[in-house]
Every structure is written in structure tokens, then in C-alpha cells.
């Protein structure tokens, strides 16, 4: 089964400027994801979609293709990941033929491991590439304890009765962690979405893998984990 891994990395970033080329533990942020994808051995091709010459150079230096420069309209703050993925998919298939799955790996999840990529792709393949796969992590706050606030009033999303349930009796809750998505190309084109009612969950057990870097505070957390090497139970080399 042919799996195309796509690493989207535009040059602009308002909350954390130039984050994709910023050095984390001696490596540019994007290099962590490139290395994990290559080490996984689960991808037929790995490409980086970028509008930025420095990002492109780093990607090529680390052994992956940057076959074209992303169009400006797909590098804006309003461009969606779906549009970027559809553009990359069309361009790649036009030159190399159809693929069976598109694997989206965002560089803001640097600690996602090669082992997790392999396992997620294996789940996709075991289901004949007919259903999308998305990574999930345990929710940091259970939805039973979340509220809507309007007009000075608060209302629990799951109703007042759920507030009386003991935490250990609540059904486990999970959230999208953004570290990986695998989708059949046909489904992506038809739905213009990575997930749907038939999506398969892939649970990330190690919370470190689910770290998503978008702000200076996120960056500080990632650096702290690297400094405390015993807390970072992943091998990205």
C-alpha cells in the first residue's frame, strides 16, 4: 500500500515566529518530524509543502523532497490544512501515480515517534485503507467539567447531573492531539475533511508525543522536557 507522508510547513507564524526552523535540542523543529517519518519506514514517499526557501533547504538537507513551492494563497493565515493537502496530493499523483493513503504529519508535534507512525499506518492498512485514522490523547479536562458561559450564567456542556459523578466513574474522554492523520485520498476529496463518523481512533499513550508547539509557552515546555531527558521516553535518532 502506497502511503504519501505530507509535512506542511509554511514560513509565516505569528504566535511563534519562524518556529519551523527554530532549533529545538540542536535540530530545526521540522527535522524532528522528518526524522520520525523516515525512521518509520511506513511511507512510500515523504514530501514537505512550504512557501519558504529556508524550510525547503532544511528539508532537502535532511533527505526529503520539496518538489514545488507552495502557492501564496495556500500559505496565508486563512489557508486550511485540507486545501494544502489536496494541492499536495494532486501534484504528487500527477507525477507519480495514485497513492492509497495520505499521512499528514504536522511539524509542531516533534516528539511523535516513528513507532507511533508505523502503528497508525498498520491500523490504516489492516482496514484496507478504507477508513481514516486520527491520533487521540487523553483529554486534559473531562467534558463533564466544562461549561458554557453566557449572560453571566454558567451551564455544563453535559448537564448538571454529570457533575455529581465521581471522576473515576466517568467514561474516559479523548481529544484530537494533531500529531497524525491518515486519510484515503477519495475520502479527502469527497468530504474535504480528515475525519468523519467512520474514523478509526489511534490513541497516543505517551503524553510527551502529543505535545503541540504553537506558542512560546509550548516551546518552553518542549525545551524543559528535553533538558529532563529521563522524562522524555522517546528515541528520535
C-alpha atoms as a PDB file:
ATOM      1  CA  UNK A   1       0.000   0.000   0.000  1.00  0.00           C
ATOM      2  CA  UNK A   2       1.417   3.374  -1.040  1.00  0.00           C
ATOM      3  CA  UNK A   3       1.388   5.970   1.739  1.00  0.00           C
ATOM      4  CA  UNK A   4       2.299   9.570   0.940  1.00  0.00           C
ATOM      5  CA  UNK A   5       3.553  11.440   4.008  1.00  0.00           C
ATOM      6  CA  UNK A   6       2.969  15.186   3.848  1.00  0.00           C
ATOM      7  CA  UNK A   7       4.729  17.596   6.208  1.00  0.00           C
ATOM      8  CA  UNK A   8       3.156  21.066   5.846  1.00  0.00           C
ATOM      9  CA  UNK A   9       5.417  23.910   6.958  1.00  0.00           C
ATOM     10  CA  UNK A  10       4.787  27.476   5.906  1.00  0.00           C
ATOM     11  CA  UNK A  11       7.232  30.250   6.675  1.00  0.00           C
ATOM     12  CA  UNK A  12       4.829  32.589   8.444  1.00  0.00           C
ATOM     13  CA  UNK A  13       3.864  32.121  12.086  1.00  0.00           C
ATOM     14  CA  UNK A  14       2.527  34.950  14.222  1.00  0.00           C
ATOM     15  CA  UNK A  15       2.496  33.388  17.681  1.00  0.00           C
ATOM     16  CA  UNK A  16       5.941  31.793  17.394  1.00  0.00           C
ATOM     17  CA  UNK A  17       7.856  33.415  14.504  1.00  0.00           C
ATOM     18  CA  UNK A  18       9.942  31.097  12.298  1.00  0.00           C
ATOM     19  CA  UNK A  19       9.047  28.150  14.535  1.00  0.00           C
ATOM     20  CA  UNK A  20       9.591  25.511  11.838  1.00  0.00           C
ATOM     21  CA  UNK A  21      13.281  26.410  11.518  1.00  0.00           C
ATOM     22  CA  UNK A  22      13.846  27.255  15.188  1.00  0.00           C
ATOM     23  CA  UNK A  23      16.375  24.974  16.877  1.00  0.00           C
ATOM     24  CA  UNK A  24      14.973  22.502  19.391  1.00  0.00           C
ATOM     25  CA  UNK A  25      17.592  20.294  21.020  1.00  0.00           C
ATOM     26  CA  UNK A  26      20.061  21.159  18.277  1.00  0.00           C
ATOM     27  CA  UNK A  27      17.677  20.349  15.405  1.00  0.00           C
ATOM     28  CA  UNK A  28      15.324  22.587  13.436  1.00  0.00           C
ATOM     29  CA  UNK A  29      11.783  21.870  14.597  1.00  0.00           C
ATOM     30  CA  UNK A  30      10.753  20.410  11.237  1.00  0.00           C
ATOM     31  CA  UNK A  31      13.693  17.988  11.290  1.00  0.00           C
ATOM     32  CA  UNK A  32      12.171  16.069  14.224  1.00  0.00           C
ATOM     33  CA  UNK A  33       9.151  15.118  12.135  1.00  0.00           C
ATOM     34  CA  UNK A  34      11.236  14.391   9.033  1.00  0.00           C
ATOM     35  CA  UNK A  35      13.455  12.005  11.009  1.00  0.00           C
ATOM     36  CA  UNK A  36      10.494  10.207  12.575  1.00  0.00           C
ATOM     37  CA  UNK A  37       8.798   9.763   9.187  1.00  0.00           C
ATOM     38  CA  UNK A  38      11.971   8.423   7.590  1.00  0.00           C
ATOM     39  CA  UNK A  39      12.762   6.119  10.503  1.00  0.00           C
ATOM     40  CA  UNK A  40       9.236   4.687  10.468  1.00  0.00           C
ATOM     41  CA  UNK A  41       9.765   3.036   7.091  1.00  0.00           C
ATOM     42  CA  UNK A  42       5.987   3.227   6.653  1.00  0.00           C
ATOM     43  CA  UNK A  43       5.878   5.822   3.881  1.00  0.00           C
ATOM     44  CA  UNK A  44       6.332   5.317   0.147  1.00  0.00           C
ATOM     45  CA  UNK A  45       7.173   8.998  -0.252  1.00  0.00           C
ATOM     46  CA  UNK A  46       7.769  11.898   2.128  1.00  0.00           C
ATOM     47  CA  UNK A  47       7.308  15.456   0.912  1.00  0.00           C
ATOM     48  CA  UNK A  48       7.371  18.872   2.522  1.00  0.00           C
ATOM     49  CA  UNK A  49       4.918  21.535   1.386  1.00  0.00           C
ATOM     50  CA  UNK A  50       6.319  25.009   2.025  1.00  0.00           C
ATOM     51  CA  UNK A  51       6.458  28.516   0.644  1.00  0.00           C
ATOM     52  CA  UNK A  52       9.757  29.215   2.397  1.00  0.00           C
ATOM     53  CA  UNK A  53      13.245  28.766   0.902  1.00  0.00           C
ATOM     54  CA  UNK A  54      14.963  28.160   4.257  1.00  0.00           C
ATOM     55  CA  UNK A  55      12.467  25.468   5.249  1.00  0.00           C
ATOM     56  CA  UNK A  56      12.869  23.846   1.829  1.00  0.00           C
ATOM     57  CA  UNK A  57      16.648  23.809   2.181  1.00  0.00           C
ATOM     58  CA  UNK A  58      16.469  22.238   5.652  1.00  0.00           C
ATOM     59  CA  UNK A  59      14.043  19.597   4.413  1.00  0.00           C
ATOM     60  CA  UNK A  60      16.286  18.648   1.498  1.00  0.00           C
ATOM     61  CA  UNK A  61      19.335  18.583   3.773  1.00  0.00           C
ATOM     62  CA  UNK A  62      17.512  16.017   5.899  1.00  0.00           C
ATOM     63  CA  UNK A  63      16.739  13.814   2.919  1.00  0.00           C
ATOM     64  CA  UNK A  64      13.156  14.541   1.867  1.00  0.00           C
ATOM     65  CA  UNK A  65      11.634  16.021  -1.258  1.00  0.00           C
ATOM     66  CA  UNK A  66      10.317  19.542  -1.702  1.00  0.00           C
ATOM     67  CA  UNK A  67       9.007  19.092  -5.241  1.00  0.00           C
ATOM     68  CA  UNK A  68       7.426  22.542  -5.625  1.00  0.00           C
ATOM     69  CA  UNK A  69       6.913  25.826  -3.829  1.00  0.00           C
ATOM     70  CA  UNK A  70       3.525  26.141  -2.153  1.00  0.00           C
ATOM     71  CA  UNK A  71       1.352  28.799  -3.861  1.00  0.00           C
ATOM     72  CA  UNK A  72       0.947  32.046  -1.861  1.00  0.00           C
ATOM     73  CA  UNK A  73      -2.810  31.544  -1.453  1.00  0.00           C
ATOM     74  CA  UNK A  74      -2.086  28.297   0.405  1.00  0.00           C
ATOM     75  CA  UNK A  75       0.486  29.908   2.694  1.00  0.00           C
ATOM     76  CA  UNK A  76      -1.771  32.512   4.308  1.00  0.00           C
ATOM     77  CA  UNK A  77      -3.221  32.509   7.819  1.00  0.00           C
ATOM     78  CA  UNK A  78      -6.600  31.537   6.388  1.00  0.00           C
ATOM     79  CA  UNK A  79      -5.448  28.595   4.243  1.00  0.00           C
ATOM     80  CA  UNK A  80      -6.767  25.283   5.582  1.00  0.00           C
ATOM     81  CA  UNK A  81      -4.824  22.075   6.088  1.00  0.00           C
ATOM     82  CA  UNK A  82      -7.334  20.345   3.812  1.00  0.00           C
ATOM     83  CA  UNK A  83      -6.591  22.727   0.928  1.00  0.00           C
ATOM     84  CA  UNK A  84      -2.842  22.288   1.437  1.00  0.00           C
ATOM     85  CA  UNK A  85      -3.238  18.502   1.495  1.00  0.00           C
ATOM     86  CA  UNK A  86      -5.435  18.442  -1.619  1.00  0.00           C
ATOM     87  CA  UNK A  87      -2.904  20.556  -3.514  1.00  0.00           C
ATOM     88  CA  UNK A  88      -0.004  18.316  -2.485  1.00  0.00           C
ATOM     89  CA  UNK A  89      -1.958  15.154  -3.267  1.00  0.00           C
ATOM     90  CA  UNK A  90      -2.927  16.350  -6.762  1.00  0.00           C
ATOM     91  CA  UNK A  91       0.614  17.478  -7.582  1.00  0.00           C
ATOM     92  CA  UNK A  92       2.219  14.274  -6.339  1.00  0.00           C
ATOM     93  CA  UNK A  93      -0.243  11.911  -8.023  1.00  0.00           C
ATOM     94  CA  UNK A  94       0.001  13.791 -11.318  1.00  0.00           C
ATOM     95  CA  UNK A  95       3.698  12.942 -11.430  1.00  0.00           C
ATOM     96  CA  UNK A  96       3.939   9.635  -9.556  1.00  0.00           C
ATOM     97  CA  UNK A  97       0.533   7.994  -9.827  1.00  0.00           C
ATOM     98  CA  UNK A  98      -2.183   7.284  -7.288  1.00  0.00           C
ATOM     99  CA  UNK A  99      -1.480   6.662  -3.623  1.00  0.00           C
ATOM    100  CA  UNK A 100      -3.591   4.670  -1.178  1.00  0.00           C
ATOM    101  CA  UNK A 101      -3.327   6.998   1.789  1.00  0.00           C
ATOM    102  CA  UNK A 102      -2.235  10.495   2.726  1.00  0.00           C
ATOM    103  CA  UNK A 103      -0.423  10.780   6.063  1.00  0.00           C
ATOM    104  CA  UNK A 104      -0.409  14.321   7.455  1.00  0.00           C
ATOM    105  CA  UNK A 105       2.429  14.969   9.908  1.00  0.00           C
ATOM    106  CA  UNK A 106       2.475  18.464  11.368  1.00  0.00           C
ATOM    107  CA  UNK A 107       5.963  19.628  12.393  1.00  0.00           C
ATOM    108  CA  UNK A 108       4.533  21.184  15.553  1.00  0.00           C
ATOM    109  CA  UNK A 109       4.391  17.657  17.050  1.00  0.00           C
ATOM    110  CA  UNK A 110       8.142  16.982  17.266  1.00  0.00           C
ATOM    111  CA  UNK A 111       8.033  14.130  19.783  1.00  0.00           C
ATOM    112  CA  UNK A 112       5.674  11.885  17.830  1.00  0.00           C
ATOM    113  CA  UNK A 113       7.694   8.712  17.343  1.00  0.00           C
ATOM    114  CA  UNK A 114       8.489   6.509  14.373  1.00  0.00           C
ATOM    115  CA  UNK A 115       6.863   3.654  16.279  1.00  0.00           C
ATOM    116  CA  UNK A 116       3.576   5.557  16.516  1.00  0.00           C
ATOM    117  CA  UNK A 117       3.667   6.370  12.813  1.00  0.00           C
ATOM    118  CA  UNK A 118       4.220   2.698  11.989  1.00  0.00           C
ATOM    119  CA  UNK A 119       1.398   1.577  14.270  1.00  0.00           C
ATOM    120  CA  UNK A 120      -1.060   4.117  12.865  1.00  0.00           C
ATOM    121  CA  UNK A 121      -0.228   3.156   9.280  1.00  0.00           C
ATOM    122  CA  UNK A 122      -0.594  -0.508  10.221  1.00  0.00           C
ATOM    123  CA  UNK A 123      -4.108   0.222  11.539  1.00  0.00           C
ATOM    124  CA  UNK A 124      -4.936   2.004   8.277  1.00  0.00           C
ATOM    125  CA  UNK A 125      -3.635  -0.909   6.189  1.00  0.00           C
ATOM    126  CA  UNK A 126      -5.419  -3.529   8.312  1.00  0.00           C
ATOM    127  CA  UNK A 127      -8.665  -1.777   7.412  1.00  0.00           C
ATOM    128  CA  UNK A 128      -7.830  -1.899   3.698  1.00  0.00           C
ATOM    129  CA  UNK A 129      -7.207   1.829   3.560  1.00  0.00           C
ATOM    130  CA  UNK A 130     -10.957   2.430   3.574  1.00  0.00           C
ATOM    131  CA  UNK A 131     -11.185   4.447   6.794  1.00  0.00           C
ATOM    132  CA  UNK A 132      -9.237   7.417   8.047  1.00  0.00           C
ATOM    133  CA  UNK A 133      -7.098   7.170  11.187  1.00  0.00           C
ATOM    134  CA  UNK A 134      -6.528  10.018  13.631  1.00  0.00           C
ATOM    135  CA  UNK A 135      -4.379  10.305  16.740  1.00  0.00           C
ATOM    136  CA  UNK A 136      -6.023  10.984  20.083  1.00  0.00           C
ATOM    137  CA  UNK A 137      -4.722  11.745  23.553  1.00  0.00           C
ATOM    138  CA  UNK A 138      -6.482  11.617  26.931  1.00  0.00           C
ATOM    139  CA  UNK A 139      -8.390  14.871  27.415  1.00  0.00           C
ATOM    140  CA  UNK A 140      -6.664  17.150  29.945  1.00  0.00           C
ATOM    141  CA  UNK A 141     -10.091  18.153  31.256  1.00  0.00           C
ATOM    142  CA  UNK A 142     -13.124  15.871  31.126  1.00  0.00           C
ATOM    143  CA  UNK A 143     -16.046  17.371  29.159  1.00  0.00           C
ATOM    144  CA  UNK A 144     -18.297  16.737  32.164  1.00  0.00           C
ATOM    145  CA  UNK A 145     -16.375  19.510  33.922  1.00  0.00           C
ATOM    146  CA  UNK A 146     -16.569  22.076  31.120  1.00  0.00           C
ATOM    147  CA  UNK A 147     -19.094  24.896  30.948  1.00  0.00           C
ATOM    148  CA  UNK A 148     -20.766  27.306  28.582  1.00  0.00           C
ATOM    149  CA  UNK A 149     -20.798  30.853  29.910  1.00  0.00           C
ATOM    150  CA  UNK A 150     -23.336  33.347  28.578  1.00  0.00           C
ATOM    151  CA  UNK A 151     -25.008  36.414  30.060  1.00  0.00           C
ATOM    152  CA  UNK A 152     -23.292  35.910  33.378  1.00  0.00           C
ATOM    153  CA  UNK A 153     -24.633  32.359  33.683  1.00  0.00           C
ATOM    154  CA  UNK A 154     -22.816  29.021  33.501  1.00  0.00           C
ATOM    155  CA  UNK A 155     -24.166  25.761  32.108  1.00  0.00           C
ATOM    156  CA  UNK A 156     -22.293  22.431  31.989  1.00  0.00           C
ATOM    157  CA  UNK A 157     -21.933  21.015  28.493  1.00  0.00           C
ATOM    158  CA  UNK A 158     -23.034  17.532  29.635  1.00  0.00           C
ATOM    159  CA  UNK A 159     -25.687  18.620  32.130  1.00  0.00           C
ATOM    160  CA  UNK A 160     -25.725  19.264  35.862  1.00  0.00           C
ATOM    161  CA  UNK A 161     -26.219  15.600  36.780  1.00  0.00           C
ATOM    162  CA  UNK A 162     -22.777  14.687  35.387  1.00  0.00           C
ATOM    163  CA  UNK A 163     -21.092  16.978  37.912  1.00  0.00           C
ATOM    164  CA  UNK A 164     -22.040  14.607  40.714  1.00  0.00           C
ATOM    165  CA  UNK A 165     -20.331  11.608  39.084  1.00  0.00           C
ATOM    166  CA  UNK A 166     -17.005  10.641  40.662  1.00  0.00           C
ATOM    167  CA  UNK A 167     -14.015  11.225  38.394  1.00  0.00           C
ATOM    168  CA  UNK A 168     -13.080   7.527  38.456  1.00  0.00           C
ATOM    169  CA  UNK A 169     -16.596   6.630  37.282  1.00  0.00           C
ATOM    170  CA  UNK A 170     -16.602   8.929  34.259  1.00  0.00           C
ATOM    171  CA  UNK A 171     -16.104   7.347  30.853  1.00  0.00           C
ATOM    172  CA  UNK A 172     -12.592   8.164  29.590  1.00  0.00           C
ATOM    173  CA  UNK A 173     -12.501  11.152  27.265  1.00  0.00           C
ATOM    174  CA  UNK A 174     -10.051  11.829  24.459  1.00  0.00           C
ATOM    175  CA  UNK A 175      -9.103  14.815  22.350  1.00  0.00           C
ATOM    176  CA  UNK A 176      -7.503  15.277  18.941  1.00  0.00           C
ATOM    177  CA  UNK A 177      -3.792  15.844  19.516  1.00  0.00           C
ATOM    178  CA  UNK A 178      -2.906  16.822  15.940  1.00  0.00           C
ATOM    179  CA  UNK A 179       0.163  14.615  15.687  1.00  0.00           C
ATOM    180  CA  UNK A 180      -1.023  12.481  12.766  1.00  0.00           C
ATOM    181  CA  UNK A 181      -3.896  11.973  10.367  1.00  0.00           C
ATOM    182  CA  UNK A 182      -4.167   9.273   7.693  1.00  0.00           C
ATOM    183  CA  UNK A 183      -6.922   9.560   5.121  1.00  0.00           C
ATOM    184  CA  UNK A 184      -7.878   7.758   1.901  1.00  0.00           C
ATOM    185  CA  UNK A 185      -7.464  10.231  -0.990  1.00  0.00           C
ATOM    186  CA  UNK A 186     -11.001   9.601  -2.257  1.00  0.00           C
ATOM    187  CA  UNK A 187     -12.452  10.413   1.156  1.00  0.00           C
ATOM    188  CA  UNK A 188     -10.385  13.579   1.480  1.00  0.00           C
ATOM    189  CA  UNK A 189     -11.584  14.808  -1.899  1.00  0.00           C
ATOM    190  CA  UNK A 190     -15.228  13.936  -1.291  1.00  0.00           C
ATOM    191  CA  UNK A 191     -15.540  15.172   2.281  1.00  0.00           C
ATOM    192  CA  UNK A 192     -12.866  17.855   2.309  1.00  0.00           C
ATOM    193  CA  UNK A 193     -12.092  16.663   5.835  1.00  0.00           C
ATOM    194  CA  UNK A 194      -9.611  14.343   7.525  1.00  0.00           C
ATOM    195  CA  UNK A 195     -12.105  12.798   9.914  1.00  0.00           C
ATOM    196  CA  UNK A 196     -15.709  11.653   9.897  1.00  0.00           C
ATOM    197  CA  UNK A 197     -18.115   9.259  11.652  1.00  0.00           C
ATOM    198  CA  UNK A 198     -16.182   6.188  10.455  1.00  0.00           C
ATOM    199  CA  UNK A 199     -12.732   7.434  11.525  1.00  0.00           C
ATOM    200  CA  UNK A 200     -10.565   4.980  13.456  1.00  0.00           C
ATOM    201  CA  UNK A 201      -9.011   6.212  16.729  1.00  0.00           C
ATOM    202  CA  UNK A 202      -5.303   5.798  17.316  1.00  0.00           C
ATOM    203  CA  UNK A 203      -4.564   6.540  20.950  1.00  0.00           C
ATOM    204  CA  UNK A 204      -1.206   8.075  21.846  1.00  0.00           C
ATOM    205  CA  UNK A 205      -0.253   6.573  25.195  1.00  0.00           C
ATOM    206  CA  UNK A 206       2.776   8.760  25.927  1.00  0.00           C
ATOM    207  CA  UNK A 207       1.636  12.320  26.674  1.00  0.00           C
ATOM    208  CA  UNK A 208       5.011  13.657  25.532  1.00  0.00           C
ATOM    209  CA  UNK A 209       4.256  12.582  21.958  1.00  0.00           C
ATOM    210  CA  UNK A 210       1.092  14.688  21.965  1.00  0.00           C
ATOM    211  CA  UNK A 211       2.821  17.971  22.723  1.00  0.00           C
ATOM    212  CA  UNK A 212       1.828  20.527  20.086  1.00  0.00           C
ATOM    213  CA  UNK A 213       4.061  23.594  19.761  1.00  0.00           C
ATOM    214  CA  UNK A 214       2.270  26.773  18.708  1.00  0.00           C
ATOM    215  CA  UNK A 215       3.236  29.369  21.320  1.00  0.00           C
ATOM    216  CA  UNK A 216       6.373  30.479  23.194  1.00  0.00           C
ATOM    217  CA  UNK A 217       4.959  28.744  26.262  1.00  0.00           C
ATOM    218  CA  UNK A 218       4.656  25.462  24.342  1.00  0.00           C
ATOM    219  CA  UNK A 219       8.246  25.874  23.198  1.00  0.00           C
ATOM    220  CA  UNK A 220       9.431  26.317  26.778  1.00  0.00           C
ATOM    221  CA  UNK A 221       7.660  23.115  27.800  1.00  0.00           C
ATOM    222  CA  UNK A 222       9.332  21.200  24.955  1.00  0.00           C
ATOM    223  CA  UNK A 223      12.769  22.547  25.889  1.00  0.00           C
ATOM    224  CA  UNK A 224      12.186  21.642  29.528  1.00  0.00           C
ATOM    225  CA  UNK A 225      11.317  18.070  28.558  1.00  0.00           C
ATOM    226  CA  UNK A 226      14.467  17.773  26.500  1.00  0.00           C
ATOM    227  CA  UNK A 227      16.563  19.052  29.373  1.00  0.00           C
ATOM    228  CA  UNK A 228      14.947  16.489  31.669  1.00  0.00           C
ATOM    229  CA  UNK A 229      15.979  13.601  29.433  1.00  0.00           C
ATOM    230  CA  UNK A 230      14.635  10.975  31.785  1.00  0.00           C
ATOM    231  CA  UNK A 231      11.137  12.414  31.307  1.00  0.00           C
ATOM    232  CA  UNK A 232      11.390  12.199  27.509  1.00  0.00           C
ATOM    233  CA  UNK A 233      10.969   8.476  26.862  1.00  0.00           C
ATOM    234  CA  UNK A 234      11.269   8.686  23.058  1.00  0.00           C
ATOM    235  CA  UNK A 235      14.086   7.988  20.652  1.00  0.00           C
ATOM    236  CA  UNK A 236      14.148  10.224  17.595  1.00  0.00           C
ATOM    237  CA  UNK A 237      17.673   9.461  16.441  1.00  0.00           C
END
